[in-house]
């Protein structure tokens, strides 16, 4: 799955996603989804939004991610 396809998965969700939700929505294995998130973070295309929290606001779940805005221009358009 390409980076653009992964970013579209985040866009379609309309909300920050964790690695598990990304794996379910994109039909990737969890390990592949984790690698994809790491790759997108290194490319500065994703940002960490926060954690899943319980009713008291304590972190209880995994990190949540969303695409970085504005997205960096890549490829020929960057030149």
Protein backbone atom coordinates (compact mmCIF):
# COMPACT_ATOMS: atom_id res chain seq x y z
CA UNK A 1 0.00 0.00 0.00
CA UNK A 2 1.40 3.40 -0.96
CA UNK A 3 1.76 6.37 1.38
CA UNK A 4 -1.00 8.20 -0.51
CA UNK A 5 -3.39 5.25 -0.07
CA UNK A 6 -2.61 5.16 3.65
CA UNK A 7 -3.21 8.91 4.00
CA UNK A 8 -6.54 8.53 2.17
CA UNK A 9 -7.47 5.87 4.74
CA UNK A 10 -6.94 8.47 7.48
CA UNK A 11 -8.92 11.04 5.49
CA UNK A 12 -11.87 8.66 5.01
CA UNK A 13 -11.93 7.90 8.73
CA UNK A 14 -12.47 11.56 9.52
CA UNK A 15 -10.88 11.09 12.94
CA UNK A 16 -7.46 10.22 14.34
CA UNK A 17 -6.65 6.51 14.08
CA UNK A 18 -4.50 4.16 16.09
CA UNK A 19 -2.38 1.45 14.49
CA UNK A 20 -5.04 -1.19 15.14
CA UNK A 21 -7.78 0.85 13.42
CA UNK A 22 -5.47 1.57 10.50
CA UNK A 23 -4.78 -2.15 10.13
CA UNK A 24 -8.51 -2.94 10.15
CA UNK A 25 -9.46 -0.20 7.68
CA UNK A 26 -6.58 -0.80 5.28
CA UNK A 27 -6.58 -4.61 5.61
CA UNK A 28 -2.92 -4.62 6.57
CA UNK A 29 -1.43 -6.97 9.12
CA UNK A 30 -0.88 -5.16 12.44
CA UNK A 31 2.91 -5.34 12.04
CA UNK A 32 2.66 -3.87 8.53
CA UNK A 33 0.40 -1.08 9.80
CA UNK A 34 2.92 -0.29 12.54
CA UNK A 35 5.72 -0.13 9.94
CA UNK A 36 3.56 2.11 7.74
CA UNK A 37 2.87 4.52 10.61
CA UNK A 38 6.59 4.67 11.42
CA UNK A 39 7.41 5.33 7.74
CA UNK A 40 4.79 8.10 7.51
CA UNK A 41 6.10 9.70 10.71
CA UNK A 42 9.69 9.66 9.42
CA UNK A 43 8.45 11.35 6.24
CA UNK A 44 6.69 13.92 8.46
CA UNK A 45 3.29 13.04 6.96
CA UNK A 46 1.66 11.99 10.26
CA UNK A 47 1.46 13.67 13.60
CA UNK A 48 0.64 12.20 17.02
CA UNK A 49 -2.67 13.53 18.31
CA UNK A 50 -2.77 11.82 21.69
CA UNK A 51 -3.92 8.68 23.44
CA UNK A 52 -7.24 6.93 23.84
CA UNK A 53 -8.48 7.99 27.27
CA UNK A 54 -10.99 6.72 29.80
CA UNK A 55 -13.79 8.78 31.40
CA UNK A 56 -11.34 10.47 33.77
CA UNK A 57 -8.96 11.50 30.98
CA UNK A 58 -6.24 8.99 31.85
CA UNK A 59 -4.41 7.43 28.89
CA UNK A 60 -5.59 3.84 28.45
CA UNK A 61 -4.90 3.01 24.86
CA UNK A 62 -2.49 3.39 21.99
CA UNK A 63 -1.31 6.58 20.37
CA UNK A 64 -3.67 8.19 17.85
CA UNK A 65 -2.40 9.71 14.60
CA UNK A 66 -3.70 12.07 11.93
CA UNK A 67 -2.21 13.42 8.70
CA UNK A 68 -0.05 16.52 9.16
CA UNK A 69 -1.57 19.68 7.73
CA UNK A 70 -0.59 21.21 5.45
CA UNK A 71 0.91 18.20 3.79
CA UNK A 72 4.44 18.64 2.48
CA UNK A 73 4.76 18.88 -1.28
CA UNK A 74 6.66 15.92 -2.68
CA UNK A 75 7.89 14.76 -6.04
CA UNK A 76 8.17 17.03 -9.07
CA UNK A 77 5.93 19.68 -7.52
CA UNK A 78 8.52 20.23 -4.77
CA UNK A 79 11.14 21.37 -7.26
